[in-house]
C-alpha atoms as a PDB file:
ATOM      1  CA  MET A   1      -0.142 -48.203  -5.070  1.00  0.00           C
ATOM      2  CA  ARG A   2       1.344 -45.364  -3.574  1.00  0.00           C
ATOM      3  CA  GLN A   3      -1.941 -44.507  -1.375  1.00  0.00           C
ATOM      4  CA  LEU A   4      -2.296 -48.096  -0.128  1.00  0.00           C
ATOM      5  CA  LEU A   5       0.841 -47.945   1.467  1.00  0.00           C
ATOM      6  CA  ALA A   6       0.751 -44.785   3.015  1.00  0.00           C
ATOM      7  CA  GLY A   7      -2.790 -46.077   4.241  1.00  0.00           C
ATOM      8  CA  ILE A   8      -1.260 -49.312   5.278  1.00  0.00           C
ATOM      9  CA  ALA A   9       1.467 -47.230   7.232  1.00  0.00           C
ATOM     10  CA  LEU A  10      -1.168 -44.514   8.613  1.00  0.00           C
ATOM     11  CA  GLY A  11      -2.415 -47.634   9.839  1.00  0.00           C
ATOM     12  CA  LEU A  12       0.918 -48.909  11.721  1.00  0.00           C
ATOM     13  CA  LEU A  13       1.193 -45.112  13.096  1.00  0.00           C
ATOM     14  CA  THR A  14      -2.255 -45.036  14.356  1.00  0.00           C
ATOM     15  CA  PHE A  15      -2.294 -48.168  16.186  1.00  0.00           C
ATOM     16  CA  GLY A  16       0.985 -49.320  16.621  1.00  0.00           C
ATOM     17  CA  ALA A  17       2.227 -47.519  19.527  1.00  0.00           C
ATOM     18  CA  HIS A  18       4.423 -49.893  21.200  1.00  0.00           C
ATOM     19  CA  GLY A  19       3.452 -49.901  25.099  1.00  0.00           C
ATOM     20  CA  ALA A  20       1.720 -46.511  25.058  1.00  0.00           C
ATOM     21  CA  MET A  21      -1.861 -47.335  24.236  1.00  0.00           C
ATOM     22  CA  ALA A  22      -4.187 -45.748  27.062  1.00  0.00           C
ATOM     23  CA  GLN A  23      -7.418 -46.754  27.170  1.00  0.00           C
ATOM     24  CA  ASP A  24      -9.344 -47.285  30.851  1.00  0.00           C
ATOM     25  CA  ASP A  25     -12.618 -47.960  29.561  1.00  0.00           C
ATOM     26  CA  PRO A  26     -13.149 -49.563  26.072  1.00  0.00           C
ATOM     27  CA  LYS A  27     -16.176 -46.931  25.660  1.00  0.00           C
ATOM     28  CA  ASP A  28     -13.296 -44.420  25.745  1.00  0.00           C
ATOM     29  CA  PRO A  29     -11.204 -43.153  22.706  1.00  0.00           C
ATOM     30  CA  PRO A  30      -7.516 -44.613  23.478  1.00  0.00           C
ATOM     31  CA  THR A  31      -4.333 -42.512  23.380  1.00  0.00           C
ATOM     32  CA  ALA A  32      -1.439 -43.365  21.262  1.00  0.00           C
ATOM     33  CA  TYR A  33       1.985 -41.454  21.153  1.00  0.00           C
ATOM     34  CA  TYR A  34       4.806 -40.540  19.421  1.00  0.00           C
ATOM     35  CA  TRP A  35       7.796 -38.976  19.369  1.00  0.00           C
ATOM     36  CA  HIS A  36       8.626 -35.490  17.475  1.00  0.00           C
ATOM     37  CA  ASN A  37      12.055 -34.355  16.737  1.00  0.00           C
ATOM     38  CA  TRP A  38      11.402 -30.794  15.901  1.00  0.00           C
ATOM     39  CA  ALA A  39      13.372 -27.304  15.494  1.00  0.00           C
ATOM     40  CA  ASP A  40      12.690 -24.454  17.689  1.00  0.00           C
ATOM     41  CA  SER A  41      13.533 -20.707  16.107  1.00  0.00           C
ATOM     42  CA  HIS A  42      16.647 -20.913  17.460  1.00  0.00           C
ATOM     43  CA  GLY A  43      17.800 -23.783  15.188  1.00  0.00           C
ATOM     44  CA  VAL A  44      17.924 -26.301  17.791  1.00  0.00           C
ATOM     45  CA  SER A  45      16.188 -29.430  17.548  1.00  0.00           C
ATOM     46  CA  HIS A  46      14.305 -31.280  20.399  1.00  0.00           C
ATOM     47  CA  MET A  47      12.649 -34.713  21.099  1.00  0.00           C
ATOM     48  CA  THR A  48       8.621 -34.370  22.553  1.00  0.00           C
ATOM     49  CA  LYS A  49       6.265 -36.623  23.426  1.00  0.00           C
ATOM     50  CA  CYS A  50       2.796 -36.340  21.514  1.00  0.00           C
ATOM     51  CA  PRO A  51      -0.699 -37.878  21.904  1.00  0.00           C
ATOM     52  CA  PHE A  52      -2.819 -39.010  18.731  1.00  0.00           C
ATOM     53  CA  HIS A  53      -5.685 -38.380  20.694  1.00  0.00           C
ATOM     54  CA  LYS A  54      -9.042 -37.456  18.106  1.00  0.00           C
ATOM     55  CA  TYR A  55      -9.790 -41.202  17.560  1.00  0.00           C
ATOM     56  CA  THR A  56     -13.361 -42.250  17.102  1.00  0.00           C
ATOM     57  CA  LEU A  57     -14.468 -45.481  16.554  1.00  0.00           C
ATOM     58  CA  LYS A  58     -15.926 -46.794  13.137  1.00  0.00           C
ATOM     59  CA  THR A  59     -15.626 -49.507  10.400  1.00  0.00           C
ATOM     60  CA  MET A  60     -12.734 -48.738   7.701  1.00  0.00           C
ATOM     61  CA  ASN A  61     -15.048 -50.642   5.445  1.00  0.00           C
ATOM     62  CA  LYS A  62     -17.769 -52.604   6.341  1.00  0.00           C
ATOM     63  CA  PRO A  63     -18.569 -55.436   7.256  1.00  0.00           C
ATOM     64  CA  ALA A  64     -15.682 -55.015   9.269  1.00  0.00           C
ATOM     65  CA  ALA A  65     -16.460 -53.952  12.741  1.00  0.00           C
ATOM     66  CA  PRO A  66     -15.447 -50.699  14.306  1.00  0.00           C
ATOM     67  CA  GLN A  67     -12.064 -49.677  15.420  1.00  0.00           C
ATOM     68  CA  TRP A  68     -10.630 -46.825  17.018  1.00  0.00           C
ATOM     69  CA  SER A  69      -9.004 -44.102  14.419  1.00  0.00           C
ATOM     70  CA  ASP A  70      -7.191 -41.032  13.949  1.00  0.00           C
ATOM     71  CA  PRO A  71      -6.741 -40.309  10.646  1.00  0.00           C
ATOM     72  CA  GLN A  72      -4.082 -37.707   9.977  1.00  0.00           C
ATOM     73  CA  PRO A  73      -4.252 -34.979   7.191  1.00  0.00           C
ATOM     74  CA  LYS A  74      -4.036 -36.147   3.525  1.00  0.00           C
ATOM     75  CA  GLY A  75      -1.343 -35.889   1.195  1.00  0.00           C
ATOM     76  CA  VAL A  76       1.754 -37.259  -0.729  1.00  0.00           C
ATOM     77  CA  ALA A  77       3.977 -39.530   0.952  1.00  0.00           C
ATOM     78  CA  GLN A  78       6.700 -41.715  -0.377  1.00  0.00           C
ATOM     79  CA  VAL A  79       7.020 -45.094   1.605  1.00  0.00           C
ATOM     80  CA  ILE A  80      10.401 -46.575   2.243  1.00  0.00           C
ATOM     81  CA  SER A  81      11.996 -49.390   3.754  1.00  0.00           C
ATOM     82  CA  THR A  82      15.580 -49.292   5.188  1.00  0.00           C
ATOM     83  CA  VAL A  83      17.445 -51.630   6.601  1.00  0.00           C
ATOM     84  CA  GLN A  84      20.342 -50.420   8.954  1.00  0.00           C
ATOM     85  CA  PRO A  85      23.333 -52.471   9.148  1.00  0.00           C
ATOM     86  CA  ASP A  86      24.777 -53.742  12.133  1.00  0.00           C
ATOM     87  CA  HIS A  87      26.648 -51.318  14.266  1.00  0.00           C
ATOM     88  CA  TRP A  88      25.329 -48.597  12.381  1.00  0.00           C
ATOM     89  CA  ASN A  89      25.847 -45.074  13.146  1.00  0.00           C
ATOM     90  CA  GLY A  90      23.715 -42.103  10.948  1.00  0.00           C
ATOM     91  CA  ALA A  91      26.013 -39.404  12.638  1.00  0.00           C
ATOM     92  CA  TRP A  92      24.822 -35.536  12.872  1.00  0.00           C
ATOM     93  CA  HIS A  93      22.150 -34.870  10.385  1.00  0.00           C
ATOM     94  CA  PRO A  94      18.490 -33.522   9.611  1.00  0.00           C
ATOM     95  CA  ASP A  95      15.881 -35.608   8.131  1.00  0.00           C
ATOM     96  CA  PRO A  96      15.920 -35.166   4.681  1.00  0.00           C
ATOM     97  CA  LYS A  97      11.960 -35.048   4.516  1.00  0.00           C
ATOM     98  CA  VAL A  98       9.409 -34.529   6.900  1.00  0.00           C
ATOM     99  CA  GLN A  99       8.932 -38.284   8.016  1.00  0.00           C
ATOM    100  CA  TRP A 100       7.094 -40.422   9.900  1.00  0.00           C
ATOM    101  CA  ILE A 101       9.531 -43.457  10.668  1.00  0.00           C
ATOM    102  CA  ILE A 102       8.319 -46.486  12.351  1.00  0.00           C
ATOM    103  CA  PRO A 103      11.255 -49.554  13.461  1.00  0.00           C
ATOM    104  CA  LEU A 104       9.790 -52.758  12.418  1.00  0.00           C
ATOM    105  CA  LYS A 105      12.662 -54.665  13.905  1.00  0.00           C
ATOM    106  CA  GLY A 106      15.662 -54.190  16.150  1.00  0.00           C
ATOM    107  CA  THR A 107      16.254 -50.666  18.628  1.00  0.00           C
ATOM    108  CA  TRP A 108      17.473 -47.291  17.635  1.00  0.00           C
ATOM    109  CA  PHE A 109      18.110 -44.160  18.964  1.00  0.00           C
ATOM    110  CA  VAL A 110      17.615 -40.292  18.147  1.00  0.00           C
ATOM    111  CA  GLN A 111      19.485 -38.023  20.052  1.00  0.00           C
ATOM    112  CA  ALA A 112      18.184 -33.895  19.315  1.00  0.00           C
ATOM    113  CA  MET A 113      20.452 -31.091  19.774  1.00  0.00           C
ATOM    114  CA  ASP A 114      19.189 -30.407  23.159  1.00  0.00           C
ATOM    115  CA  GLY A 115      20.573 -33.462  24.466  1.00  0.00           C
ATOM    116  CA  THR A 116      17.620 -35.724  24.754  1.00  0.00           C
ATOM    117  CA  ARG A 117      17.956 -38.952  23.509  1.00  0.00           C
ATOM    118  CA  VAL A 118      15.003 -41.476  23.041  1.00  0.00           C
ATOM    119  CA  GLU A 119      15.382 -45.531  22.006  1.00  0.00           C
ATOM    120  CA  MET A 120      12.832 -46.898  19.542  1.00  0.00           C
ATOM    121  CA  GLY A 121      11.710 -50.483  19.387  1.00  0.00           C
ATOM    122  CA  PRO A 122       8.947 -52.460  17.021  1.00  0.00           C
ATOM    123  CA  GLY A 123       5.432 -50.061  17.227  1.00  0.00           C
ATOM    124  CA  ASP A 124       7.111 -46.991  18.477  1.00  0.00           C
ATOM    125  CA  VAL A 125       6.358 -44.128  16.168  1.00  0.00           C
ATOM    126  CA  SER A 126       8.927 -40.968  15.383  1.00  0.00           C
ATOM    127  CA  LEU A 127       8.057 -37.838  13.112  1.00  0.00           C
ATOM    128  CA  GLY A 128      11.260 -36.425  12.163  1.00  0.00           C
ATOM    129  CA  GLU A 129      10.838 -32.571  11.428  1.00  0.00           C
ATOM    130  CA  ASP A 130      14.190 -30.901  12.186  1.00  0.00           C
ATOM    131  CA  GLN A 131      15.309 -30.037   8.340  1.00  0.00           C
ATOM    132  CA  ARG A 132      15.177 -26.141   9.943  1.00  0.00           C
ATOM    133  CA  THR A 133      18.123 -26.704  12.383  1.00  0.00           C
ATOM    134  CA  THR A 134      21.449 -24.501  12.380  1.00  0.00           C
ATOM    135  CA  PRO A 135      24.496 -26.110  13.235  1.00  0.00           C
ATOM    136  CA  ASP A 136      25.701 -25.611  17.297  1.00  0.00           C
ATOM    137  CA  ALA A 137      29.300 -24.675  18.684  1.00  0.00           C
ATOM    138  CA  GLN A 138      30.162 -28.217  17.838  1.00  0.00           C
ATOM    139  CA  GLY A 139      28.922 -28.130  14.432  1.00  0.00           C
ATOM    140  CA  HIS A 140      25.853 -30.642  15.480  1.00  0.00           C
ATOM    141  CA  LYS A 141      22.804 -30.073  13.251  1.00  0.00           C
ATOM    142  CA  GLY A 142      20.155 -32.147  13.204  1.00  0.00           C
ATOM    143  CA  HIS A 143      20.023 -35.401  15.228  1.00  0.00           C
ATOM    144  CA  LEU A 144      22.455 -38.019  16.264  1.00  0.00           C
ATOM    145  CA  ALA A 145      21.114 -41.362  15.215  1.00  0.00           C
ATOM    146  CA  GLY A 146      22.204 -45.035  15.533  1.00  0.00           C
ATOM    147  CA  ASN A 147      21.391 -48.630  16.420  1.00  0.00           C
ATOM    148  CA  VAL A 148      21.474 -50.001  19.724  1.00  0.00           C
ATOM    149  CA  THR A 149      20.481 -53.619  19.445  1.00  0.00           C
ATOM    150  CA  SER A 150      23.127 -56.294  17.803  1.00  0.00           C
ATOM    151  CA  GLY A 151      22.277 -56.718  14.288  1.00  0.00           C
ATOM    152  CA  PRO A 152      20.415 -54.617  11.728  1.00  0.00           C
ATOM    153  CA  VAL A 153      17.866 -52.583  12.288  1.00  0.00           C
ATOM    154  CA  THR A 154      14.429 -52.370  10.136  1.00  0.00           C
ATOM    155  CA  LEU A 155      12.438 -48.897   9.648  1.00  0.00           C
ATOM    156  CA  MET A 156       9.407 -48.237   8.025  1.00  0.00           C
ATOM    157  CA  VAL A 157       9.718 -44.386   6.394  1.00  0.00           C
ATOM    158  CA  ILE A 158       7.021 -42.437   5.209  1.00  0.00           C
ATOM    159  CA  GLN A 159       8.279 -39.336   3.745  1.00  0.00           C
ATOM    160  CA  LEU A 160       5.812 -36.501   3.270  1.00  0.00           C
ATOM    161  CA  ALA A 161       5.659 -33.461   0.649  1.00  0.00           C
ATOM    162  CA  GLU A 162       5.439 -31.110   3.669  1.00  0.00           C
ATOM    163  CA  ALA A 163       7.030 -28.134   4.059  1.00  0.00           C
ATOM    164  CA  PRO A 164       8.955 -28.713   7.831  1.00  0.00           C
ATOM    165  CA  THR A 165       7.766 -26.003  10.533  1.00  0.00           C
ATOM    166  CA  VAL A 166       9.422 -24.336  13.390  1.00  0.00           C
ATOM    167  CA  ASP A 167       8.381 -24.036  17.297  1.00  0.00           C
ATOM    168  CA  GLN A 168       5.682 -26.097  16.590  1.00  0.00           C
ATOM    169  CA  PRO A 169       5.654 -29.637  18.791  1.00  0.00           C
ATOM    170  CA  CYS A 170       3.309 -32.036  18.505  1.00  0.00           C
ATOM    171  CA  ARG A 171       1.479 -30.478  15.694  1.00  0.00           C
ATOM    172  CA  PHE A 172       0.276 -33.756  14.154  1.00  0.00           C
ATOM    173  CA  LYS A 173      -2.526 -34.572  16.725  1.00  0.00           C
END
């Protein structure tokens, strides 16, 4: 069951880049994007827009028609559905694990320690990997997150059993 849910979630990751799927010619592989919240060697978090770009056209299971697919590394994953209450504010914190975050309903934001703030809604994808940050002069560590829209915000979170890296923005391609 866990592998099935992880497969469904990876399908969302691969094909759901809200407004970010680029494909000039249907015969050419598309490019979709995700936001990577990563830490540098000084312990500062950053948000970088990264492409998925190794798409191949093939069927996922015959007799289904071919579709563009960009599989990510295999591994163990925990899928979590979260609902952040109206006006939720996550305060400054690092992600608990390396994790993909996909908004399903509502809009939320992530602000990195370098000041970059990104708002994400349904179809956007984020990779949280700021575990190796260190507190700055104001005591901020990791990222600030919170709801932008009124009402609850629903997220699909896929936590990976993977060690966080440093100085590796866009490491999932």
